Amino acid sequence: MTKIQNQNYDLEERTFNFTKRVIEFCKKLVRTVENIELIRQVVRASGSVGANYIEANESLSKKDFMMRIKISRKESKESRYWLRLIIDTNNLSSNNEGKFLIQEASEFIKIFNSILTNSK
């Protein structure tokens, strides 16, 4: 396996684990009307990060690749937004898992920015 393939696989696995951790984090939240909607949003967005990255790796054209990476970046930003909202509205600012998830979403944004810059 080439180095690039290993990096692709690692990011695929990392995005998968991110979504899994978001789901586990959300399972611990109190079920209120507000939280149920926030949970739906963050689970969808976090799942789209990895799904679109996988689609980018399978793209048939550079244009399609770039679009999928842009979508992954957008979904990373959205995941970070919903996580921040969940943490702030549930008074979880000292929650280490929440902090980790926000940091991970921020790192994905940087990674996808770098991929876009280097692919031009």
N, C-alpha and C. Protein backbone atom coordinates (compact mmCIF):
# COMPACT_ATOMS: atom_id res chain seq x y z
N MET A 1 0.83 -1.17 0.00
CA MET A 1 0.00 0.00 0.00
C MET A 1 0.88 1.25 0.00
N THR A 2 0.55 2.21 -0.81
CA THR A 2 1.35 3.43 -0.85
C THR A 2 1.04 4.31 0.35
N LYS A 3 1.92 5.29 0.55
CA LYS A 3 1.73 6.20 1.68
C LYS A 3 0.41 6.96 1.56
N ILE A 4 0.06 7.39 0.36
CA ILE A 4 -1.19 8.13 0.16
C ILE A 4 -2.38 7.25 0.51
N GLN A 5 -2.35 6.01 0.12
CA GLN A 5 -3.45 5.12 0.46
C GLN A 5 -3.56 4.94 1.97
N ASN A 6 -2.45 4.83 2.66
CA ASN A 6 -2.49 4.72 4.13
C ASN A 6 -3.10 5.96 4.75
N GLN A 7 -2.73 7.14 4.24
CA GLN A 7 -3.28 8.37 4.77
C GLN A 7 -4.78 8.42 4.53
N ASN A 8 -5.23 8.02 3.34
CA ASN A 8 -6.66 7.99 3.05
C ASN A 8 -7.38 7.08 4.02
N TYR A 9 -6.84 5.90 4.22
CA TYR A 9 -7.47 4.95 5.11
C TYR A 9 -7.52 5.51 6.53
N ASP A 10 -6.42 6.11 6.99
CA ASP A 10 -6.39 6.65 8.34
C ASP A 10 -7.45 7.73 8.53
N LEU A 11 -7.62 8.60 7.54
CA LEU A 11 -8.62 9.66 7.65
C LEU A 11 -10.02 9.08 7.56
N GLU A 12 -10.20 8.05 6.76
CA GLU A 12 -11.51 7.38 6.71
C GLU A 12 -11.83 6.79 8.08
N GLU A 13 -10.86 6.14 8.68
CA GLU A 13 -11.06 5.54 10.00
C GLU A 13 -11.28 6.62 11.06
N ARG A 14 -10.53 7.69 10.95
CA ARG A 14 -10.65 8.79 11.91
C ARG A 14 -12.02 9.45 11.84
N THR A 15 -12.53 9.65 10.63
CA THR A 15 -13.85 10.26 10.50
C THR A 15 -14.93 9.30 10.99
N PHE A 16 -14.74 8.01 10.76
CA PHE A 16 -15.67 7.00 11.27
C PHE A 16 -15.71 7.05 12.80
N ASN A 17 -14.53 7.07 13.41
CA ASN A 17 -14.45 7.11 14.88
C ASN A 17 -15.03 8.41 15.44
N PHE A 18 -14.88 9.50 14.71
CA PHE A 18 -15.46 10.77 15.11
C PHE A 18 -16.99 10.65 15.20
N THR A 19 -17.60 10.12 14.16
CA THR A 19 -19.05 9.96 14.15
C THR A 19 -19.50 9.03 15.28
N LYS A 20 -18.77 7.96 15.46
CA LYS A 20 -19.09 7.00 16.52
C LYS A 20 -19.03 7.68 17.90
N ARG A 21 -18.02 8.50 18.12
CA ARG A 21 -17.88 9.19 19.40
C ARG A 21 -18.96 10.25 19.58
N VAL A 22 -19.35 10.91 18.49
CA VAL A 22 -20.45 11.88 18.57
C VAL A 22 -21.73 11.16 19.00
N ILE A 23 -22.00 10.02 18.41
CA ILE A 23 -23.20 9.25 18.76
C ILE A 23 -23.16 8.84 20.22
N GLU A 24 -22.03 8.34 20.68
CA GLU A 24 -21.90 7.94 22.09
C GLU A 24 -22.07 9.14 23.02
N PHE A 25 -21.51 10.28 22.64
CA PHE A 25 -21.66 11.51 23.43
C PHE A 25 -23.13 11.90 23.53
N CYS A 26 -23.83 11.82 22.41
CA CYS A 26 -25.24 12.21 22.37
C CYS A 26 -26.13 11.27 23.16
N LYS A 27 -25.76 10.00 23.24
CA LYS A 27 -26.55 9.04 24.01
C LYS A 27 -26.62 9.40 25.48
N LYS A 28 -25.64 10.15 25.97
CA LYS A 28 -25.58 10.52 27.39
C LYS A 28 -26.36 11.78 27.70
N LEU A 29 -26.85 12.47 26.70
CA LEU A 29 -27.56 13.73 26.92
C LEU A 29 -28.99 13.49 27.41
N VAL A 30 -29.48 14.42 28.19
CA VAL A 30 -30.86 14.38 28.67
C VAL A 30 -31.77 14.57 27.46
N ARG A 31 -32.83 13.79 27.39
CA ARG A 31 -33.76 13.87 26.25
C ARG A 31 -34.78 14.97 26.48
N THR A 32 -34.48 16.15 25.95
CA THR A 32 -35.44 17.25 25.95
C THR A 32 -35.83 17.50 24.50
N VAL A 33 -36.87 18.25 24.28
CA VAL A 33 -37.29 18.57 22.92
C VAL A 33 -36.15 19.23 22.16
N GLU A 34 -35.46 20.15 22.82
CA GLU A 34 -34.35 20.87 22.19
C GLU A 34 -33.19 19.93 21.88
N ASN A 35 -32.81 19.12 22.85
CA ASN A 35 -31.68 18.22 22.64
C ASN A 35 -31.94 17.20 21.54
N ILE A 36 -33.16 16.73 21.45
CA ILE A 36 -33.47 15.74 20.40
C ILE A 36 -33.18 16.34 19.02
N GLU A 37 -33.57 17.57 18.80
CA GLU A 37 -33.30 18.21 17.50
C GLU A 37 -31.81 18.47 17.30
N LEU A 38 -31.13 18.92 18.33
CA LEU A 38 -29.69 19.16 18.23
C LEU A 38 -28.94 17.86 17.95
N ILE A 39 -29.36 16.78 18.60
CA ILE A 39 -28.74 15.47 18.39
C ILE A 39 -28.92 15.03 16.94
N ARG A 40 -30.13 15.18 16.41
CA ARG A 40 -30.37 14.81 15.01
C ARG A 40 -29.40 15.55 14.08
N GLN A 41 -29.28 16.84 14.33
CA GLN A 41 -28.44 17.67 13.47
C GLN A 41 -26.97 17.26 13.54
N VAL A 42 -26.45 17.08 14.75
CA VAL A 42 -25.02 16.77 14.89
C VAL A 42 -24.70 15.36 14.40
N VAL A 43 -25.59 14.42 14.59
CA VAL A 43 -25.34 13.06 14.10
C VAL A 43 -25.31 13.05 12.57
N ARG A 44 -26.24 13.75 11.95
CA ARG A 44 -26.25 13.83 10.48
C ARG A 44 -24.99 14.49 9.95
N ALA A 45 -24.64 15.63 10.53
CA ALA A 45 -23.47 16.37 10.05
C ALA A 45 -22.18 15.57 10.24
N SER A 46 -22.02 14.99 11.42
CA SER A 46 -20.78 14.24 11.69
C SER A 46 -20.67 13.01 10.79
N GLY A 47 -21.79 12.36 10.52
CA GLY A 47 -21.77 11.21 9.61
C GLY A 47 -21.43 11.60 8.19
N SER A 48 -21.85 12.79 7.79
CA SER A 48 -21.58 13.26 6.43
C SER A 48 -20.11 13.59 6.20
N VAL A 49 -19.39 13.94 7.27
CA VAL A 49 -17.97 14.24 7.13
C VAL A 49 -17.26 13.04 6.49
N GLY A 50 -17.40 11.89 7.12
CA GLY A 50 -16.72 10.69 6.64
C GLY A 50 -17.31 10.13 5.36
N ALA A 51 -18.63 10.17 5.25
CA ALA A 51 -19.27 9.64 4.05
C ALA A 51 -18.82 10.39 2.80
N ASN A 52 -18.74 11.70 2.90
CA ASN A 52 -18.31 12.48 1.74
C ASN A 52 -16.82 12.34 1.48
N TYR A 53 -16.04 12.13 2.52
CA TYR A 53 -14.61 11.87 2.32
C TYR A 53 -14.40 10.55 1.56
N ILE A 54 -15.15 9.53 1.94
CA ILE A 54 -15.07 8.25 1.22
C ILE A 54 -15.48 8.44 -0.24
N GLU A 55 -16.56 9.20 -0.46
CA GLU A 55 -16.99 9.49 -1.83
C GLU A 55 -15.90 10.22 -2.60
N ALA A 56 -15.20 11.14 -1.95
CA ALA A 56 -14.11 11.87 -2.62
C ALA A 56 -13.02 10.91 -3.07
N ASN A 57 -12.70 9.94 -2.23
CA ASN A 57 -11.67 8.97 -2.59
C ASN A 57 -12.08 8.08 -3.75
N GLU A 58 -13.37 7.96 -3.99
CA GLU A 58 -13.87 7.13 -5.08
C GLU A 58 -14.30 7.96 -6.28
N SER A 59 -14.03 9.26 -6.25
CA SER A 59 -14.51 10.15 -7.31
C SER A 59 -13.87 9.80 -8.65
N LEU A 60 -14.59 10.13 -9.71
CA LEU A 60 -14.13 9.84 -11.06
C LEU A 60 -13.44 11.02 -11.72
N SER A 61 -13.57 12.20 -11.11
CA SER A 61 -12.93 13.38 -11.68
C SER A 61 -12.38 14.26 -10.57
N LYS A 62 -11.46 15.13 -10.93
CA LYS A 62 -10.90 16.06 -9.97
C LYS A 62 -11.98 17.02 -9.46
N LYS A 63 -12.87 17.44 -10.34
CA LYS A 63 -13.95 18.35 -9.96
C LYS A 63 -14.84 17.70 -8.90
N ASP A 64 -15.20 16.44 -9.10
CA ASP A 64 -16.02 15.71 -8.13
C ASP A 64 -15.27 15.55 -6.81
N PHE A 65 -13.98 15.23 -6.90
CA PHE A 65 -13.15 15.09 -5.70
C PHE A 65 -13.17 16.38 -4.89
N MET A 66 -12.92 17.50 -5.56
CA MET A 66 -12.88 18.80 -4.87
C MET A 66 -14.23 19.12 -4.23
N MET A 67 -15.31 18.83 -4.93
CA MET A 67 -16.64 19.11 -4.39
C MET A 67 -16.90 18.28 -3.14
N ARG A 68 -16.54 17.01 -3.15
CA ARG A 68 -16.76 16.14 -1.99
C ARG A 68 -15.92 16.59 -0.79
N ILE A 69 -14.70 17.02 -1.05
CA ILE A 69 -13.85 17.51 0.04
C ILE A 69 -14.44 18.80 0.61
N LYS A 70 -14.97 19.66 -0.26
CA LYS A 70 -15.62 20.89 0.22
C LYS A 70 -16.84 20.56 1.07
N ILE A 71 -17.58 19.54 0.68
CA ILE A 71 -18.74 19.13 1.47
C ILE A 71 -18.29 18.58 2.82
N SER A 72 -17.22 17.79 2.83
CA SER A 72 -16.69 17.27 4.09
C SER A 72 -16.26 18.41 5.01
N ARG A 73 -15.64 19.43 4.42
CA ARG A 73 -15.23 20.59 5.22
C ARG A 73 -16.47 21.31 5.78
N LYS A 74 -17.47 21.50 4.94
CA LYS A 74 -18.71 22.16 5.35
C LYS A 74 -19.38 21.39 6.49
N GLU A 75 -19.44 20.08 6.36
CA GLU A 75 -20.07 19.24 7.39
C GLU A 75 -19.25 19.24 8.68
N SER A 76 -17.94 19.38 8.57
CA SER A 76 -17.08 19.50 9.76
C SER A 76 -17.41 20.78 10.50
N LYS A 77 -17.57 21.87 9.74
CA LYS A 77 -17.94 23.16 10.36
C LYS A 77 -19.31 23.06 11.03
N GLU A 78 -20.23 22.40 10.34
CA GLU A 78 -21.57 22.25 10.89
C GLU A 78 -21.54 21.38 12.14
N SER A 79 -20.77 20.31 12.14
CA SER A 79 -20.64 19.45 13.32
C SER A 79 -20.11 20.24 14.50
N ARG A 80 -19.09 21.04 14.25
CA ARG A 80 -18.51 21.85 15.31
C ARG A 80 -19.56 22.82 15.88
N TYR A 81 -20.34 23.42 15.01
CA TYR A 81 -21.38 24.35 15.43
C TYR A 81 -22.40 23.67 16.36
N TRP A 82 -22.92 22.51 15.91
CA TRP A 82 -23.93 21.81 16.70
C TRP A 82 -23.35 21.32 18.03
N LEU A 83 -22.11 20.86 18.00
CA LEU A 83 -21.47 20.41 19.24
C LEU A 83 -21.32 21.58 20.22
N ARG A 84 -20.89 22.71 19.73
CA ARG A 84 -20.78 23.89 20.59
C ARG A 84 -22.13 24.26 21.19
N LEU A 85 -23.16 24.21 20.39
CA LEU A 85 -24.50 24.55 20.85
C LEU A 85 -24.98 23.56 21.92
N ILE A 86 -24.75 22.29 21.69
CA ILE A 86 -25.12 21.26 22.67
C ILE A 86 -24.38 21.49 23.98
N ILE A 87 -23.09 21.72 23.89
CA ILE A 87 -22.27 21.90 25.09
C ILE A 87 -22.69 23.14 25.86
N ASP A 88 -22.90 24.24 25.14
CA ASP A 88 -23.28 25.50 25.81
C ASP A 88 -24.67 25.43 26.44
N THR A 89 -25.62 24.83 25.74
CA THR A 89 -26.99 24.81 26.26
C THR A 89 -27.22 23.74 27.32
N ASN A 90 -26.27 22.82 27.45
CA ASN A 90 -26.38 21.77 28.48
C ASN A 90 -25.37 21.97 29.61
N ASN A 91 -24.74 23.14 29.63
CA ASN A 91 -23.74 23.45 30.67
C ASN A 91 -22.67 22.37 30.79
N LEU A 92 -22.12 21.97 29.65
CA LEU A 92 -21.11 20.92 29.62
C LEU A 92 -19.73 21.46 29.24
N SER A 93 -19.47 22.73 29.54
CA SER A 93 -18.22 23.35 29.12
C SER A 93 -16.98 22.67 29.71
N SER A 94 -17.14 21.95 30.80
CA SER A 94 -16.00 21.24 31.38
C SER A 94 -15.93 19.78 30.93
N ASN A 95 -16.82 19.38 30.03
CA ASN A 95 -16.87 18.00 29.56
C ASN A 95 -15.71 17.74 28.58
N ASN A 96 -14.81 16.84 28.96
CA ASN A 96 -13.63 16.56 28.13
C ASN A 96 -13.99 15.94 26.79
N GLU A 97 -14.97 15.08 26.76
CA GLU A 97 -15.37 14.45 25.50
C GLU A 97 -15.91 15.50 24.53
N GLY A 98 -16.71 16.41 25.03
CA GLY A 98 -17.22 17.49 24.19
C GLY A 98 -16.10 18.34 23.63
N LYS A 99 -15.14 18.69 24.49
CA LYS A 99 -13.98 19.47 24.05
C LYS A 99 -13.20 18.73 22.97
N PHE A 100 -13.00 17.43 23.19
CA PHE A 100 -12.28 16.62 22.20
C PHE A 100 -13.01 16.63 20.86
N LEU A 101 -14.31 16.46 20.87
CA LEU A 101 -15.08 16.40 19.63
C LEU A 101 -15.03 17.72 18.87
N ILE A 102 -15.10 18.83 19.59
CA ILE A 102 -14.99 20.13 18.95
C ILE A 102 -13.59 20.29 18.34
N GLN A 103 -12.58 19.88 19.07
CA GLN A 103 -11.20 19.95 18.56
C GLN A 103 -11.04 19.07 17.32
N GLU A 104 -11.62 17.90 17.35
CA GLU A 104 -11.52 16.98 16.21
C GLU A 104 -12.19 17.58 14.98
N ALA A 105 -13.37 18.17 15.15
CA ALA A 105 -14.05 18.82 14.03
C ALA A 105 -13.20 19.96 13.48
N SER A 106 -12.57 20.72 14.37
CA SER A 106 -11.70 21.82 13.94
C SER A 106 -10.49 21.29 13.16
N GLU A 107 -9.95 20.18 13.59
CA GLU A 107 -8.82 19.59 12.88
C GLU A 107 -9.24 19.08 11.50
N PHE A 108 -10.43 18.52 11.40
CA PHE A 108 -10.93 18.09 10.09
C PHE A 108 -11.03 19.28 9.14
N ILE A 109 -11.49 20.41 9.64
CA ILE A 109 -11.60 21.60 8.80
C ILE A 109 -10.22 21.97 8.25
N LYS A 110 -9.22 21.95 9.10
CA LYS A 110 -7.85 22.27 8.67
C LYS A 110 -7.33 21.24 7.68
N ILE A 111 -7.60 19.98 7.93
CA ILE A 111 -7.14 18.91 7.02
C ILE A 111 -7.79 19.08 5.65
N PHE A 112 -9.10 19.30 5.61
CA PHE A 112 -9.79 19.44 4.33
C PHE A 112 -9.36 20.72 3.61
N ASN A 113 -9.08 21.78 4.36
CA ASN A 113 -8.53 22.99 3.74
C ASN A 113 -7.19 22.70 3.07
N SER A 114 -6.36 21.96 3.77
CA SER A 114 -5.04 21.60 3.25
C SER A 114 -5.17 20.73 2.00
N ILE A 115 -6.07 19.77 2.02
CA ILE A 115 -6.29 18.92 0.85
C ILE A 115 -6.72 19.77 -0.33
N LEU A 116 -7.65 20.70 -0.10
CA LEU A 116 -8.12 21.56 -1.19
C LEU A 116 -6.99 22.44 -1.73
N THR A 117 -6.19 23.00 -0.85
CA THR A 117 -5.08 23.85 -1.27
C THR A 117 -4.06 23.07 -2.09
N ASN A 118 -3.74 21.87 -1.64
CA ASN A 118 -2.73 21.05 -2.33
C ASN A 118 -3.25 20.38 -3.59
N SER A 119 -4.56 20.36 -3.77
CA SER A 119 -5.15 19.70 -4.95
C SER A 119 -5.37 20.67 -6.12
N LYS A 120 -5.15 21.93 -5.89
CA LYS A 120 -5.40 22.92 -6.95
C LYS A 120 -4.33 22.89 -8.00
